[in-house]
Each structure stands twice: as C-alpha cells, then as structure tokens.
Amino acid sequence: MGMFTESVDVVCNSEGQPQSLAWAGRSYSVCAEPARWYERRQWWAEESRAPLGSGPGLVDHEIWRVQVVPFQTGRDDGVADEPLTLDLTRHIRSGRWRLLRIHDALRPRTA
C-alpha cells in the first residue's frame, strides 16, 4: 500500500458519493459501492488555534474508499482491467479532493 497526498478531480452523484475521477492524466470510473468514514487529524500540529465553531472540518477528515477501473473507449479485446482500490479524502470546507492511499498497487501480478 502506498500512502501520500495528491490532488484528484472527483465527480459525485446526487447523494454525494464519488462516481468517477481523474488522476495522473487518466479517467477512472467507480466500479463498486464506495465506503465512507471519518478519521481524526492532528489539527494541533497544523493549526496554531482552533477557531470557535470550526470543529467538523477541523477535527475530522472525510475518507472514501473506492474501487475504480480506467475508462475504456473502443476497447474490444474482452480483457477487463483489474479494479484499483484508492482512499480519497474531501476537505469539508473547500470541497477539494486528495488521493491518500493506493491499495495493492505493488502486488505482483501472475501470468
């Protein structure tokens, strides 16, 4: 599993769930039901003071685990791409999305 932070463009459905994304010059479609949870962040290490009333965006990160496959246009060889599992975070106040983790990215492929 790789862990880092990189900007991604995410398109959500009417319920606010990710349905597609663009990352590293490629477009991906979400191929399974995404999972959402919240994680605490160390805001005291990043902020000198917590402004009054700023708890939800300051304390918690919204995390989404999604499985995606690359958009395929014109591919007709019958071979499906294996889904890639990603963890994304959305900044509550700005709405910006970032890629946090790539799961199974280094798993060896068998022939």
Protein backbone atom coordinates (compact mmCIF):
# COMPACT_ATOMS: atom_id res chain seq x y z
CA MET A 1 0.00 0.00 0.00
CA GLY A 2 1.36 3.42 -0.93
CA MET A 3 0.45 6.44 1.20
CA PHE A 4 0.80 10.03 0.03
CA THR A 5 -1.35 13.01 -0.86
CA GLU A 6 -2.07 14.17 -4.37
CA SER A 7 -4.88 16.25 -5.86
CA VAL A 8 -7.60 14.42 -7.82
CA ASP A 9 -10.73 15.63 -9.61
CA VAL A 10 -13.80 13.74 -8.40
CA VAL A 11 -17.34 13.76 -9.81
CA CYS A 12 -20.04 12.76 -7.32
CA ASN A 13 -23.57 11.52 -7.82
CA SER A 14 -26.64 13.25 -6.36
CA GLU A 15 -26.06 11.54 -2.98
CA GLY A 16 -22.50 12.91 -2.78
CA GLN A 17 -20.76 9.59 -3.47
CA PRO A 18 -17.79 9.52 -5.84
CA GLN A 19 -18.72 8.07 -9.24
CA SER A 20 -15.69 8.97 -11.37
CA LEU A 21 -12.31 10.64 -11.01
CA ALA A 22 -9.39 11.99 -12.98
CA TRP A 23 -5.87 11.35 -11.72
CA ALA A 24 -2.42 11.36 -13.31
CA GLY A 25 -3.81 12.16 -16.75
CA ARG A 26 -6.30 9.25 -16.77
CA SER A 27 -10.02 8.99 -16.13
CA TYR A 28 -11.49 6.29 -13.90
CA SER A 29 -14.98 5.05 -13.15
CA VAL A 30 -16.04 3.83 -9.69
CA CYS A 31 -16.99 0.16 -10.18
CA ALA A 32 -18.21 -0.82 -6.68
CA GLU A 33 -20.15 0.75 -3.84
CA PRO A 34 -17.77 3.20 -2.09
CA ALA A 35 -17.27 3.15 1.68
CA ARG A 36 -17.08 6.34 3.78
CA TRP A 37 -15.75 7.03 7.28
CA TYR A 38 -14.15 9.84 9.24
CA GLU A 39 -10.66 9.98 10.73
CA ARG A 40 -9.26 12.34 13.33
CA ARG A 41 -6.40 14.51 12.21
CA GLN A 42 -3.70 16.15 14.33
CA TRP A 43 -5.03 19.67 13.88
CA TRP A 44 -2.87 20.97 16.76
CA ALA A 45 0.22 20.17 14.69
CA GLU A 46 -1.14 22.08 11.67
CA GLU A 47 -3.07 24.95 13.28
CA SER A 48 -1.94 27.34 15.99
CA ARG A 49 -5.50 27.68 17.29
CA ALA A 50 -8.88 26.15 16.54
CA PRO A 51 -11.35 28.88 15.57
CA LEU A 52 -14.63 28.78 17.52
CA GLY A 53 -17.26 26.66 15.76
CA SER A 54 -14.87 25.04 13.28
CA GLY A 55 -14.91 21.52 14.74
CA PRO A 56 -16.39 19.35 11.93
CA GLY A 57 -13.90 20.39 9.25
CA LEU A 58 -11.01 20.87 11.60
CA VAL A 59 -11.13 17.69 13.62
CA ASP A 60 -12.29 15.07 11.12
CA HIS A 61 -11.29 14.05 7.60
CA GLU A 62 -13.95 12.54 5.39
CA ILE A 63 -12.40 9.43 3.82
CA TRP A 64 -13.82 7.44 0.91
CA ARG A 65 -12.52 4.02 -0.18
CA VAL A 66 -13.34 3.46 -3.83
CA GLN A 67 -12.62 0.77 -6.39
CA VAL A 68 -12.00 2.18 -9.84
CA VAL A 69 -11.23 0.97 -13.34
CA PRO A 70 -9.90 3.09 -16.21
CA PHE A 71 -12.48 4.39 -18.68
CA GLN A 72 -12.25 2.23 -21.78
CA THR A 73 -13.19 3.76 -25.10
CA GLY A 74 -13.22 1.45 -28.08
CA ARG A 75 -11.60 -1.48 -26.28
CA ASP A 76 -12.96 -4.73 -27.64
CA ASP A 77 -10.41 -7.38 -26.66
CA GLY A 78 -12.57 -8.92 -23.92
CA VAL A 79 -9.93 -8.26 -21.24
CA ALA A 80 -11.18 -6.35 -18.22
CA ASP A 81 -8.88 -4.19 -16.11
CA GLU A 82 -8.46 -5.27 -12.51
CA PRO A 83 -10.01 -2.72 -10.12
CA LEU A 84 -7.68 -0.42 -8.24
CA THR A 85 -8.59 0.42 -4.62
CA LEU A 86 -7.98 4.01 -3.55
CA ASP A 87 -8.59 6.04 -0.40
CA LEU A 88 -9.68 9.61 -1.10
CA THR A 89 -10.28 12.49 1.29
CA ARG A 90 -12.53 15.51 0.80
CA HIS A 91 -11.74 18.77 2.60
CA ILE A 92 -15.04 19.70 4.23
CA ARG A 93 -14.87 23.48 3.77
CA SER A 94 -13.26 23.75 0.33
CA GLY A 95 -14.66 20.59 -1.25
CA ARG A 96 -11.19 19.69 -2.62
CA TRP A 97 -10.32 16.03 -3.07
CA ARG A 98 -6.95 14.36 -2.46
CA LEU A 99 -5.67 10.84 -3.01
CA LEU A 100 -4.31 9.38 0.25
CA ARG A 101 -3.60 5.70 -0.36
CA ILE A 102 -3.30 3.19 -3.16
CA HIS A 103 -4.01 -0.36 -2.02
CA ASP A 104 -2.48 -3.41 -3.68
CA ALA A 105 -0.52 -1.20 -6.08
CA LEU A 106 2.67 -3.18 -5.57
CA ARG A 107 1.13 -6.64 -5.54
CA PRO A 108 2.95 -8.87 -8.04
CA ARG A 109 0.81 -9.97 -10.96
CA THR A 110 0.80 -13.60 -12.02
CA ALA A 111 0.69 -14.76 -15.62
